[in-house]
Amino acid sequence: MKKLLLLLWGSMLLHTALSAQHIRKCGMQRKHEAMIAKNPDYARFLANQKASLQAAGDYYKQYKLHATTERSTALSAVPVIFHIIVDSAQFYNMGGASGIIRRCDSQIAVLNADFNKQNADSALIPSGWKPLYGNVGIHFGLAHRDPSGNCSPGYEVRILPGTSLTTVGYDIDSQPTPAEKMAATGLAAWDVDKYYNVWCINFTGASNGLLGITTTKSDVVAGWSNSWEMGVDILYNTLGSTGFTGSAPGTGGWEAPFNLGRTLTHETGHFFEIWHTWGDDDGLCPWNSGGADDGLNDTPPESDAQYGAPVYTLSGGTLNDGCKMNGSTNTQPVGIACLSYMDYTDDNAMQLFTPDQANVMASMVLVPVGGSGTTAGEGTIGEHYNLTQNPGLLVVCTPSGVEASPTETRSGLRIFPNPTSGVINVAVNSQAEKLIDIVVLDLLGRQVTVAKGESKDQYSLDLGGMSKGIYIVKCNFASGSITRKILLQ
């Protein structure tokens, strides 16, 4: 009897654990359904937008063959501003001020890795999918200048009482004015043509359990949203990655298994106009009546979303589902794209964008406005090109009115260019302050290079072989140290 009770107790615990396990929930499909319910003409708009994507990606493949030199000199990283709206308990669970810094830094690192084929977990990609591992080529950095030209850490925080958060949530069922994006109740967007706006909030109401939702440029063109709403909303405790920040006091409020920063990777895919891999058709195949796909050739037909961390059953591939066979044709020879960032799997089960997904996103961001190849306004080539034209917004600055330390004043330290594509120059006044050394660290605190101090006023360090992202430059002088962030893009 005792053994039976233990077995029953264990079974109940297992059931509770499985019931409590969270699954990914993105609001894009429900938003599209709400758009169509409001105005059936949106169905045509959405179908045209999706049908234009392959042409946009194909256009970019040709464009980059002829514009490599121009692109490498004309583009900068996309400035990201995080608008964090939480109550005091949530603020603490995020790690307070220092935890939020780590989360924002690590989230930028995740975006840069995922969008540039530099994610370490790419080693998990099955052999059959290696040729389908795409490089988007878009870089990101924290916005260090606000729209008025003032210095910014790349994020802003508004702490509201817990009772106020019910007015902040973004309820996609009733589609109210998104209160978190209004200055009176939340934090308003910065110029959407210059900044990538990301709101980190607590979803409430009927949208409880939601991880993210995106307002795209095509939503604005369709008349569904206002331009000042454009950007991404993510659940506040999915911001950042434990893989970069490590463990620290007060940072236990992670939304596991969504703690590797992939919620924003997924939503950023939507922001640059790509769809879920299964096409949001509720279990159908593209050849079924009412069936659909994501509009891209290299993501196999897929009946519905995959959750958790699927067990792969194909040698060198993933797994098949109900859309494997179209008549006598096997449409999933290497399985479905459940390892794409645009499926619903856990953060640790996502490893890639496909080349077509990558090319579509690149066409929206890396091509000058006016590129041809898609229907105007329905996922238009170059719609976010302006985000790459503001390098000055990424440069770390010191707020006016803040007194510099004696070491900073005497040394006359300058680090440039920032952002950089490889070489950084460190200028000092060697006659006024003795430089011991210059140490460059990654965001995990690991030393990547060091230069000994000499009797000269300028040093050059080549970081060209390093992974793209944010690094810390620590200049150690005889009387103290000065630390700066730089962006390698």
Protein backbone atom coordinates (compact mmCIF):
# COMPACT_ATOMS: atom_id res chain seq x y z
CA MET A 1 0.00 0.00 0.00
CA LYS A 2 2.81 2.38 0.91
CA LYS A 3 4.55 1.63 -2.42
CA LEU A 4 1.28 2.29 -4.26
CA LEU A 5 0.84 5.65 -2.54
CA LEU A 6 4.40 6.61 -3.43
CA LEU A 7 3.78 5.67 -7.06
CA LEU A 8 0.56 7.69 -7.11
CA TRP A 9 2.31 10.65 -5.48
CA GLY A 10 5.14 10.43 -8.00
CA SER A 11 2.65 10.26 -10.86
CA MET A 12 0.87 13.35 -9.55
CA LEU A 13 4.16 15.25 -9.33
CA LEU A 14 5.04 14.26 -12.89
CA HIS A 15 1.60 15.34 -14.11
CA THR A 16 1.93 18.64 -12.29
CA ALA A 17 5.37 19.23 -13.78
CA LEU A 18 4.13 18.51 -17.30
CA SER A 19 1.06 20.66 -16.80
CA ALA A 20 3.21 23.54 -15.54
CA GLN A 21 5.64 23.30 -18.45
CA HIS A 22 5.33 26.42 -20.56
CA ILE A 23 4.99 26.33 -24.32
CA ARG A 24 5.87 29.06 -26.77
CA LYS A 25 2.96 31.33 -27.60
CA CYS A 26 3.33 34.11 -30.16
CA GLY A 27 0.45 36.42 -31.00
CA MET A 28 0.96 36.79 -34.76
CA GLN A 29 -1.51 34.14 -35.92
CA ARG A 30 -4.25 35.38 -33.57
CA LYS A 31 -3.55 38.95 -34.62
CA HIS A 32 -3.94 38.03 -38.30
CA GLU A 33 -7.19 36.22 -37.49
CA ALA A 34 -8.41 39.32 -35.64
CA MET A 35 -7.46 41.49 -38.63
CA ILE A 36 -9.52 39.34 -40.98
CA ALA A 37 -12.47 39.24 -38.57
CA LYS A 38 -12.43 43.03 -38.46
CA ASN A 39 -12.07 43.40 -42.22
CA PRO A 40 -12.23 40.36 -44.55
CA ASP A 41 -10.18 42.30 -47.14
CA TYR A 42 -7.16 41.81 -44.88
CA ALA A 43 -7.12 38.17 -45.97
CA ARG A 44 -6.17 39.26 -49.49
CA PHE A 45 -3.58 41.68 -48.14
CA LEU A 46 -1.95 39.03 -45.96
CA ALA A 47 -1.98 36.46 -48.76
CA ASN A 48 -0.29 38.94 -51.12
CA GLN A 49 2.24 39.90 -48.46
CA LYS A 50 3.20 36.28 -47.89
CA ALA A 51 3.28 35.53 -51.64
CA SER A 52 5.73 38.41 -52.16
CA LEU A 53 8.36 37.08 -49.77
CA GLN A 54 10.14 34.57 -52.01
CA ALA A 55 10.54 37.24 -54.69
CA ALA A 56 11.99 39.61 -52.09
CA GLY A 57 14.52 37.00 -50.98
CA ASP A 58 15.46 36.16 -54.57
CA TYR A 59 15.91 39.85 -55.30
CA TYR A 60 18.32 40.17 -52.39
CA LYS A 61 20.40 37.22 -53.59
CA GLN A 62 21.02 39.08 -56.84
CA TYR A 63 21.47 42.43 -55.13
CA LYS A 64 24.23 41.26 -52.82
CA LEU A 65 26.20 39.83 -55.74
CA HIS A 66 26.55 43.33 -57.19
CA ALA A 67 26.62 45.58 -54.12
CA THR A 68 29.08 43.96 -51.71
CA THR A 69 31.48 46.92 -51.56
CA GLU A 70 28.74 49.50 -51.27
CA ARG A 71 26.91 47.58 -48.54
CA SER A 72 30.04 47.03 -46.44
CA THR A 73 30.72 50.76 -46.19
CA ALA A 74 27.17 52.15 -46.03
CA LEU A 75 25.51 50.14 -43.27
CA SER A 76 25.70 50.29 -39.49
CA ALA A 77 24.13 48.18 -36.77
CA VAL A 78 20.42 48.59 -36.02
CA PRO A 79 19.99 50.74 -32.86
CA VAL A 80 17.82 48.91 -30.31
CA ILE A 81 15.98 50.60 -27.45
CA PHE A 82 14.42 48.44 -24.74
CA HIS A 83 11.36 49.98 -23.04
CA ILE A 84 10.98 47.99 -19.79
CA ILE A 85 7.65 48.36 -17.99
CA VAL A 86 7.32 46.25 -14.84
CA ASP A 87 6.25 46.41 -11.23
CA SER A 88 8.79 46.55 -8.38
CA ALA A 89 8.78 42.77 -7.77
CA GLN A 90 9.38 42.06 -11.45
CA PHE A 91 12.12 44.69 -11.54
CA TYR A 92 13.88 42.89 -8.69
CA ASN A 93 13.42 39.48 -10.32
CA MET A 94 15.08 40.82 -13.44
CA GLY A 95 18.09 41.60 -11.25
CA GLY A 96 17.40 45.25 -10.60
CA ALA A 97 19.45 47.85 -12.45
CA SER A 98 22.56 45.68 -12.80
CA GLY A 99 20.52 42.65 -13.89
CA ILE A 100 18.76 44.68 -16.57
CA ILE A 101 22.12 45.83 -17.93
CA ARG A 102 23.26 42.20 -18.18
CA ARG A 103 20.00 41.17 -19.79
CA CYS A 104 20.14 43.94 -22.41
CA ASP A 105 23.80 43.30 -23.23
CA SER A 106 23.24 39.56 -23.51
CA GLN A 107 20.11 40.03 -25.64
CA ILE A 108 22.08 42.11 -28.14
CA ALA A 109 24.75 39.40 -28.17
CA VAL A 110 22.09 36.75 -28.89
CA LEU A 111 20.62 38.77 -31.76
CA ASN A 112 24.03 39.32 -33.31
CA ALA A 113 24.92 35.64 -33.01
CA ASP A 114 21.58 34.35 -34.33
CA PHE A 115 21.42 36.77 -37.26
CA ASN A 116 25.04 36.20 -38.33
CA LYS A 117 25.56 32.41 -38.16
CA GLN A 118 27.60 32.75 -34.95
CA ASN A 119 25.36 30.93 -32.46
CA ALA A 120 27.40 28.33 -30.59
CA ASP A 121 24.54 25.82 -30.61
CA SER A 122 24.76 25.59 -34.41
CA ALA A 123 26.87 22.53 -33.63
CA LEU A 124 23.54 20.78 -32.92
CA ILE A 125 22.23 21.29 -36.46
CA PRO A 126 21.77 17.87 -38.15
CA SER A 127 23.96 17.23 -41.19
CA GLY A 128 21.05 17.36 -43.63
CA TRP A 129 20.20 20.87 -42.46
CA LYS A 130 23.74 22.29 -42.58
CA PRO A 131 23.22 23.57 -46.16
CA LEU A 132 20.05 25.29 -44.91
CA TYR A 133 21.85 27.35 -42.23
CA GLY A 134 21.37 30.94 -43.41
CA ASN A 135 23.24 34.16 -42.63
CA VAL A 136 20.99 37.21 -42.39
CA GLY A 137 23.87 39.68 -42.04
CA ILE A 138 22.01 42.21 -39.86
CA HIS A 139 23.81 43.54 -36.78
CA PHE A 140 22.32 45.16 -33.69
CA GLY A 141 23.55 47.51 -30.97
CA LEU A 142 22.15 49.34 -27.98
CA ALA A 143 20.96 52.85 -28.79
CA HIS A 144 23.21 55.21 -26.81
CA ARG A 145 21.58 58.44 -28.01
CA ASP A 146 17.90 59.19 -27.55
CA PRO A 147 15.85 61.14 -30.14
CA SER A 148 16.86 64.42 -28.48
CA GLY A 149 20.56 63.59 -28.67
CA ASN A 150 20.93 62.81 -24.96
CA CYS A 151 23.03 59.88 -23.73
CA SER A 152 21.19 56.61 -23.13
CA PRO A 153 22.21 53.17 -21.80
CA GLY A 154 20.03 51.58 -24.51
CA TYR A 155 17.08 50.94 -22.24
CA GLU A 156 14.59 52.84 -20.11
CA VAL A 157 12.59 51.53 -17.17
CA ARG A 158 9.19 52.47 -15.82
CA ILE A 159 8.09 50.81 -12.57
CA LEU A 160 4.35 50.72 -12.06
CA PRO A 161 2.29 49.39 -9.15
CA GLY A 162 1.16 45.82 -9.70
CA THR A 163 -2.47 46.89 -9.89
CA SER A 164 -1.63 49.14 -12.85
CA LEU A 165 -0.23 46.34 -14.97
CA THR A 166 -3.67 45.17 -16.06
CA THR A 167 -3.85 48.34 -18.17
CA VAL A 168 -0.42 47.77 -19.68
CA GLY A 169 -0.94 44.35 -21.21
CA TYR A 170 -1.47 44.01 -24.94
CA ASP A 171 -4.75 42.09 -25.34
CA ILE A 172 -4.79 40.86 -28.94
CA ASP A 173 -8.35 39.56 -28.62
CA SER A 174 -9.97 42.97 -28.16
CA GLN A 175 -7.09 44.99 -29.68
CA PRO A 176 -7.27 48.07 -27.44
CA THR A 177 -4.89 50.98 -27.75
CA PRO A 178 -1.65 49.45 -26.51
CA ALA A 179 -1.25 51.36 -23.28
CA GLU A 180 2.38 50.35 -22.79
CA LYS A 181 3.29 52.43 -25.87
CA MET A 182 1.69 55.63 -24.62
CA ALA A 183 3.72 58.12 -22.61
CA ALA A 184 0.92 58.63 -20.08
CA THR A 185 0.69 54.96 -19.11
CA GLY A 186 3.93 53.37 -20.34
CA LEU A 187 6.90 54.35 -22.48
CA ALA A 188 6.38 55.82 -25.92
CA ALA A 189 8.27 54.63 -28.99
CA TRP A 190 11.40 56.40 -30.09
CA ASP A 191 11.51 57.40 -33.77
CA VAL A 192 10.50 54.15 -35.49
CA ASP A 193 12.49 55.07 -38.61
CA LYS A 194 15.73 55.24 -36.61
CA TYR A 195 15.27 52.83 -33.68
CA TYR A 196 14.14 49.24 -33.29
CA ASN A 197 11.68 49.57 -30.38
CA VAL A 198 11.29 46.60 -28.03
CA TRP A 199 8.80 46.74 -25.15
CA CYS A 200 9.40 44.32 -22.26
CA ILE A 201 6.09 44.03 -20.44
CA ASN A 202 3.77 41.75 -18.49
CA PHE A 203 1.04 40.45 -20.78
CA THR A 204 -2.34 40.36 -19.04
CA GLY A 205 -5.97 39.49 -19.59
CA ALA A 206 -6.92 37.09 -22.37
CA SER A 207 -3.35 37.23 -23.66
CA ASN A 208 -1.92 35.72 -20.47
CA GLY A 209 0.78 33.22 -21.34
CA LEU A 210 1.83 35.17 -24.43
CA LEU A 211 5.60 35.44 -25.00
CA GLY A 212 5.63 38.01 -27.76
CA ILE A 213 3.82 39.89 -30.50
CA THR A 214 5.05 42.16 -33.26
CA THR A 215 3.69 45.20 -35.06
CA THR A 216 5.18 45.21 -38.55
CA LYS A 217 5.48 47.86 -41.22
CA SER A 218 2.99 45.87 -43.30
CA ASP A 219 0.51 46.05 -40.37
CA VAL A 220 0.80 49.84 -40.53
CA VAL A 221 0.35 49.91 -44.31
CA ALA A 222 -2.69 47.65 -44.00
CA GLY A 223 -4.29 50.12 -41.59
CA TRP A 224 -4.32 47.68 -38.70
CA SER A 225 -1.80 49.60 -36.56
CA ASN A 226 -0.43 53.10 -36.12
CA SER A 227 3.17 53.84 -37.05
CA TRP A 228 4.01 54.72 -33.44
CA GLU A 229 3.09 51.17 -32.40
CA MET A 230 5.68 49.59 -34.72
CA GLY A 231 8.09 47.29 -32.91
CA VAL A 232 8.05 44.21 -30.73
CA ASP A 233 6.49 43.34 -27.38
CA ILE A 234 8.04 40.49 -25.38
CA LEU A 235 7.29 39.07 -21.95
CA TYR A 236 9.65 40.95 -19.63
CA ASN A 237 11.36 37.88 -18.15
CA THR A 238 12.32 36.46 -21.56
CA LEU A 239 14.69 39.40 -22.09
CA GLY A 240 18.33 38.32 -22.30
CA SER A 241 20.06 34.99 -21.96
CA THR A 242 21.32 32.98 -19.02
CA GLY A 243 23.88 31.62 -21.46
CA PHE A 244 25.56 35.03 -21.46
CA THR A 245 24.64 36.57 -18.11
CA GLY A 246 25.33 33.57 -15.91
CA SER A 247 23.72 33.34 -12.48
CA ALA A 248 23.59 36.35 -10.21
CA PRO A 249 21.58 37.39 -7.15
CA GLY A 250 18.14 38.67 -8.04
CA THR A 251 18.08 37.28 -11.59
CA GLY A 252 16.00 34.21 -10.90
CA GLY A 253 12.88 35.48 -12.67
CA TRP A 254 13.51 33.69 -15.96
CA GLU A 255 10.67 32.32 -18.06
CA ALA A 256 12.26 28.88 -18.58
CA PRO A 257 12.58 27.23 -21.06
CA PHE A 258 12.64 30.60 -22.82
CA ASN A 259 15.78 31.89 -21.13
CA LEU A 260 18.26 32.02 -24.03
CA GLY A 261 16.98 35.19 -25.71
CA ARG A 262 15.24 33.42 -28.60
CA THR A 263 11.84 35.04 -27.96
CA LEU A 264 13.22 38.31 -29.33
CA THR A 265 15.03 36.45 -32.13
CA HIS A 266 11.64 34.94 -33.13
CA GLU A 267 9.75 38.24 -32.92
CA THR A 268 12.50 40.09 -34.79
CA GLY A 269 11.97 37.60 -37.61
CA HIS A 270 8.34 38.73 -37.70
CA PHE A 271 9.39 42.39 -37.54
CA PHE A 272 11.39 41.81 -40.73
CA GLU A 273 8.27 40.23 -42.25
CA ILE A 274 8.83 36.45 -42.17
CA TRP A 275 6.11 34.05 -40.95
CA HIS A 276 5.85 30.95 -38.82
CA THR A 277 7.23 27.91 -40.61
CA TRP A 278 3.86 26.10 -40.77
CA GLY A 279 2.02 29.06 -42.29
CA ASP A 280 -0.51 29.58 -39.49
CA ASP A 281 -3.15 27.29 -40.99
CA ASP A 282 -4.07 25.21 -37.93
CA GLY A 283 -2.85 21.77 -38.93
CA LEU A 284 -3.45 21.77 -42.68
CA CYS A 285 -1.02 21.17 -45.53
CA PRO A 286 -0.53 23.72 -48.33
CA TRP A 287 -2.36 21.45 -50.79
CA ASN A 288 -5.41 21.08 -48.53
CA SER A 289 -8.40 23.36 -48.93
CA GLY A 290 -7.66 26.36 -46.72
CA GLY A 291 -4.07 25.21 -46.22
CA ALA A 292 -1.05 27.51 -46.36
CA ASP A 293 2.67 27.71 -45.77
CA ASP A 294 5.13 30.51 -44.98
CA GLY A 295 5.68 31.48 -48.61
CA LEU A 296 9.32 30.31 -48.74
CA ASN A 297 10.78 27.49 -50.79
CA ASP A 298 13.37 26.10 -48.38
CA THR A 299 11.09 25.58 -45.38
CA PRO A 300 9.32 22.25 -46.03
CA PRO A 301 5.52 22.06 -45.79
CA GLU A 302 4.56 21.65 -42.14
CA SER A 303 1.15 20.92 -40.72
CA ASP A 304 1.39 22.74 -37.40
CA ALA A 305 3.74 24.17 -34.78
CA GLN A 306 6.24 22.02 -32.89
CA TYR A 307 6.72 22.54 -29.15
CA GLY A 308 9.34 21.73 -26.55
CA ALA A 309 12.53 20.02 -27.75
CA PRO A 310 11.42 17.48 -30.39
CA VAL A 311 13.18 14.14 -30.60
CA TYR A 312 14.62 13.81 -34.11
CA THR A 313 13.79 10.56 -35.89
CA LEU A 314 15.48 11.09 -39.28
CA SER A 315 19.16 10.32 -39.83
CA GLY A 316 20.80 13.65 -40.60
CA GLY A 317 17.44 15.39 -40.35
CA THR A 318 14.67 16.26 -37.92
CA LEU A 319 11.25 14.57 -38.06
CA ASN A 320 8.28 14.23 -40.39
CA ASP A 321 4.69 15.25 -39.75
CA GLY A 322 1.34 14.91 -41.50
CA CYS A 323 2.48 16.94 -44.52
CA LYS A 324 5.28 14.53 -45.46
CA MET A 325 3.62 13.16 -48.58
CA ASN A 326 1.95 15.20 -51.31
CA GLY A 327 0.65 12.34 -53.39
CA SER A 328 3.73 10.29 -54.18
CA THR A 329 6.17 13.13 -53.44
CA ASN A 330 8.09 13.24 -50.15
CA THR A 331 8.10 16.96 -49.34
CA GLN A 332 10.13 16.53 -46.13
CA PRO A 333 13.29 14.58 -47.11
CA VAL A 334 15.25 16.09 -44.18
CA GLY A 335 12.20 16.67 -42.01
CA ILE A 336 10.40 19.84 -40.98
CA ALA A 337 12.01 23.14 -39.98
CA CYS A 338 11.30 22.72 -36.28
CA LEU A 339 14.86 23.89 -35.57
CA SER A 340 14.13 27.27 -37.20
CA TYR A 341 13.79 30.29 -34.94
CA MET A 342 10.33 30.73 -36.50
CA ASP A 343 8.79 27.54 -35.09
CA TYR A 344 7.46 27.24 -31.52
CA THR A 345 10.16 25.04 -29.99
CA ASP A 346 12.05 25.88 -26.80
CA ASP A 347 15.00 28.27 -26.91
CA ASN A 348 17.52 25.44 -26.70
CA ALA A 349 15.91 23.61 -29.66
CA MET A 350 16.23 26.53 -32.12
CA GLN A 351 19.42 26.93 -34.12
CA LEU A 352 18.89 28.64 -37.47
CA PHE A 353 17.18 30.79 -40.04
CA THR A 354 17.04 29.16 -43.47
CA PRO A 355 18.70 30.97 -46.42
CA ASP A 356 15.33 32.09 -47.81
CA GLN A 357 14.24 33.38 -44.39
CA ALA A 358 17.59 35.18 -44.12
CA ASN A 359 17.37 36.71 -47.59
CA VAL A 360 13.85 38.02 -47.05
CA MET A 361 14.86 39.75 -43.81
CA ALA A 362 18.03 41.13 -45.40
CA SER A 363 15.96 42.52 -48.29
CA MET A 364 13.89 44.52 -45.80
CA VAL A 365 16.89 46.00 -44.00
CA LEU A 366 20.05 45.93 -46.11
CA VAL A 367 18.70 47.21 -49.45
CA PRO A 368 18.12 50.95 -50.05
CA VAL A 369 14.50 52.09 -50.08
CA GLY A 370 12.97 51.76 -53.52
CA GLY A 371 14.25 48.29 -54.41
CA SER A 372 11.85 46.50 -56.74
CA GLY A 373 10.55 42.98 -56.54
CA THR A 374 7.48 43.05 -54.28
CA THR A 375 4.08 44.68 -54.17
CA ALA A 376 4.42 48.13 -52.61
CA GLY A 377 3.48 48.19 -48.95
CA GLU A 378 3.08 44.44 -48.55
CA GLY A 379 6.50 43.51 -47.21
CA THR A 380 8.36 46.09 -49.29
CA ILE A 381 12.04 45.70 -50.06
CA GLY A 382 14.04 48.29 -48.12
CA GLU A 383 11.23 49.11 -45.67
CA HIS A 384 13.67 49.20 -42.71
CA TYR A 385 16.80 50.39 -44.51
CA ASN A 386 16.74 53.64 -42.51
CA LEU A 387 17.52 51.64 -39.36
CA THR A 388 21.03 51.03 -40.74
CA GLN A 389 21.81 54.68 -41.43
CA ASN A 390 22.35 56.07 -37.93
CA PRO A 391 25.78 55.00 -36.60
CA GLY A 392 25.93 58.00 -34.28
CA LEU A 393 23.09 56.55 -32.19
CA LEU A 394 25.27 53.58 -31.23
CA VAL A 395 28.26 55.46 -29.84
CA VAL A 396 28.61 55.27 -26.05
CA CYS A 397 28.67 58.76 -24.53
CA THR A 398 28.94 60.42 -21.12
CA PRO A 399 25.88 62.43 -20.01
CA SER A 400 26.46 66.17 -19.78
CA GLY A 401 26.74 67.45 -16.24
CA VAL A 402 28.40 64.24 -15.01
CA GLU A 403 31.80 65.04 -13.58
CA ALA A 404 34.59 62.96 -15.07
CA SER A 405 37.03 61.15 -12.78
CA PRO A 406 40.53 62.67 -12.38
CA THR A 407 41.98 59.76 -14.36
CA GLU A 408 39.50 60.34 -17.18
CA THR A 409 40.22 64.04 -17.25
CA ARG A 410 44.01 63.70 -17.28
CA SER A 411 44.17 60.81 -19.72
CA GLY A 412 42.05 62.42 -22.42
CA LEU A 413 40.98 58.92 -23.40
CA ARG A 414 39.28 58.47 -26.78
CA ILE A 415 38.36 55.16 -28.43
CA PHE A 416 37.37 55.26 -32.09
CA PRO A 417 35.74 54.33 -34.37
CA ASN A 418 32.81 53.00 -32.35
CA PRO A 419 31.12 50.99 -33.81
CA THR A 420 34.06 49.41 -35.62
CA SER A 421 34.41 46.78 -38.31
CA GLY A 422 37.75 45.60 -36.95
CA VAL A 423 40.43 48.07 -35.83
CA ILE A 424 39.95 50.34 -32.82
CA ASN A 425 42.22 53.23 -31.95
CA VAL A 426 42.86 54.20 -28.34
CA ALA A 427 44.15 57.76 -27.93
CA VAL A 428 45.59 59.00 -24.61
CA ASN A 429 47.70 61.82 -23.22
CA SER A 430 50.82 59.84 -22.27
CA GLN A 431 52.52 62.90 -20.79
CA ALA A 432 49.74 63.43 -18.25
CA GLU A 433 48.77 59.86 -17.30
CA LYS A 434 50.82 56.66 -17.51
CA LEU A 435 48.99 53.83 -19.32
CA ILE A 436 49.73 50.37 -17.88
CA ASP A 437 47.81 48.32 -20.44
CA ILE A 438 44.65 48.03 -22.54
CA VAL A 439 42.56 44.90 -21.96
CA VAL A 440 39.67 43.87 -24.22
CA LEU A 441 37.06 41.55 -22.66
CA ASP A 442 33.96 39.85 -24.02
CA LEU A 443 30.62 40.04 -22.20
CA LEU A 444 31.50 36.95 -20.17
CA GLY A 445 34.57 38.74 -18.79
CA ARG A 446 37.03 36.66 -20.81
CA GLN A 447 40.15 38.44 -22.03
CA VAL A 448 40.38 38.43 -25.82
CA THR A 449 43.40 40.67 -26.32
CA VAL A 450 45.75 42.95 -24.40
CA ALA A 451 48.20 45.71 -25.33
CA LYS A 452 51.04 46.86 -23.06
CA GLY A 453 51.30 50.56 -22.32
CA GLU A 454 54.17 52.46 -23.91
CA SER A 455 55.30 56.06 -24.14
CA LYS A 456 53.00 56.95 -27.00
CA ASP A 457 49.67 58.68 -27.48
CA GLN A 458 47.82 56.26 -29.73
CA TYR A 459 47.37 52.48 -29.93
CA SER A 460 45.68 50.35 -32.59
CA LEU A 461 44.08 47.00 -31.78
CA ASP A 462 42.75 44.74 -34.51
CA LEU A 463 39.59 42.88 -33.48
CA GLY A 464 38.78 41.74 -37.00
CA GLY A 465 39.04 38.05 -36.11
CA MET A 466 36.58 38.30 -33.20
CA SER A 467 32.89 37.44 -33.29
CA LYS A 468 30.62 40.41 -33.94
CA GLY A 469 29.06 41.94 -30.85
CA ILE A 470 29.76 44.11 -27.81
CA TYR A 471 33.17 44.14 -26.09
CA ILE A 472 34.56 45.88 -23.03
CA VAL A 473 37.73 47.94 -23.39
CA LYS A 474 39.46 48.48 -20.03
CA CYS A 475 42.30 50.98 -19.95
CA ASN A 476 44.40 50.63 -16.81
CA PHE A 477 46.32 53.75 -15.82
CA ALA A 478 48.70 54.29 -12.91
CA SER A 479 45.98 56.15 -10.99
CA GLY A 480 42.91 54.13 -11.97
CA SER A 481 40.98 52.37 -14.71
CA ILE A 482 38.51 53.55 -17.35
CA THR A 483 36.07 51.13 -18.99
CA ARG A 484 34.23 51.62 -22.26
CA LYS A 485 31.90 49.49 -24.40
CA ILE A 486 32.54 49.10 -28.12
CA LEU A 487 30.48 47.48 -30.86
CA LEU A 488 32.23 45.21 -33.37
CA GLN A 489 30.04 44.90 -36.47
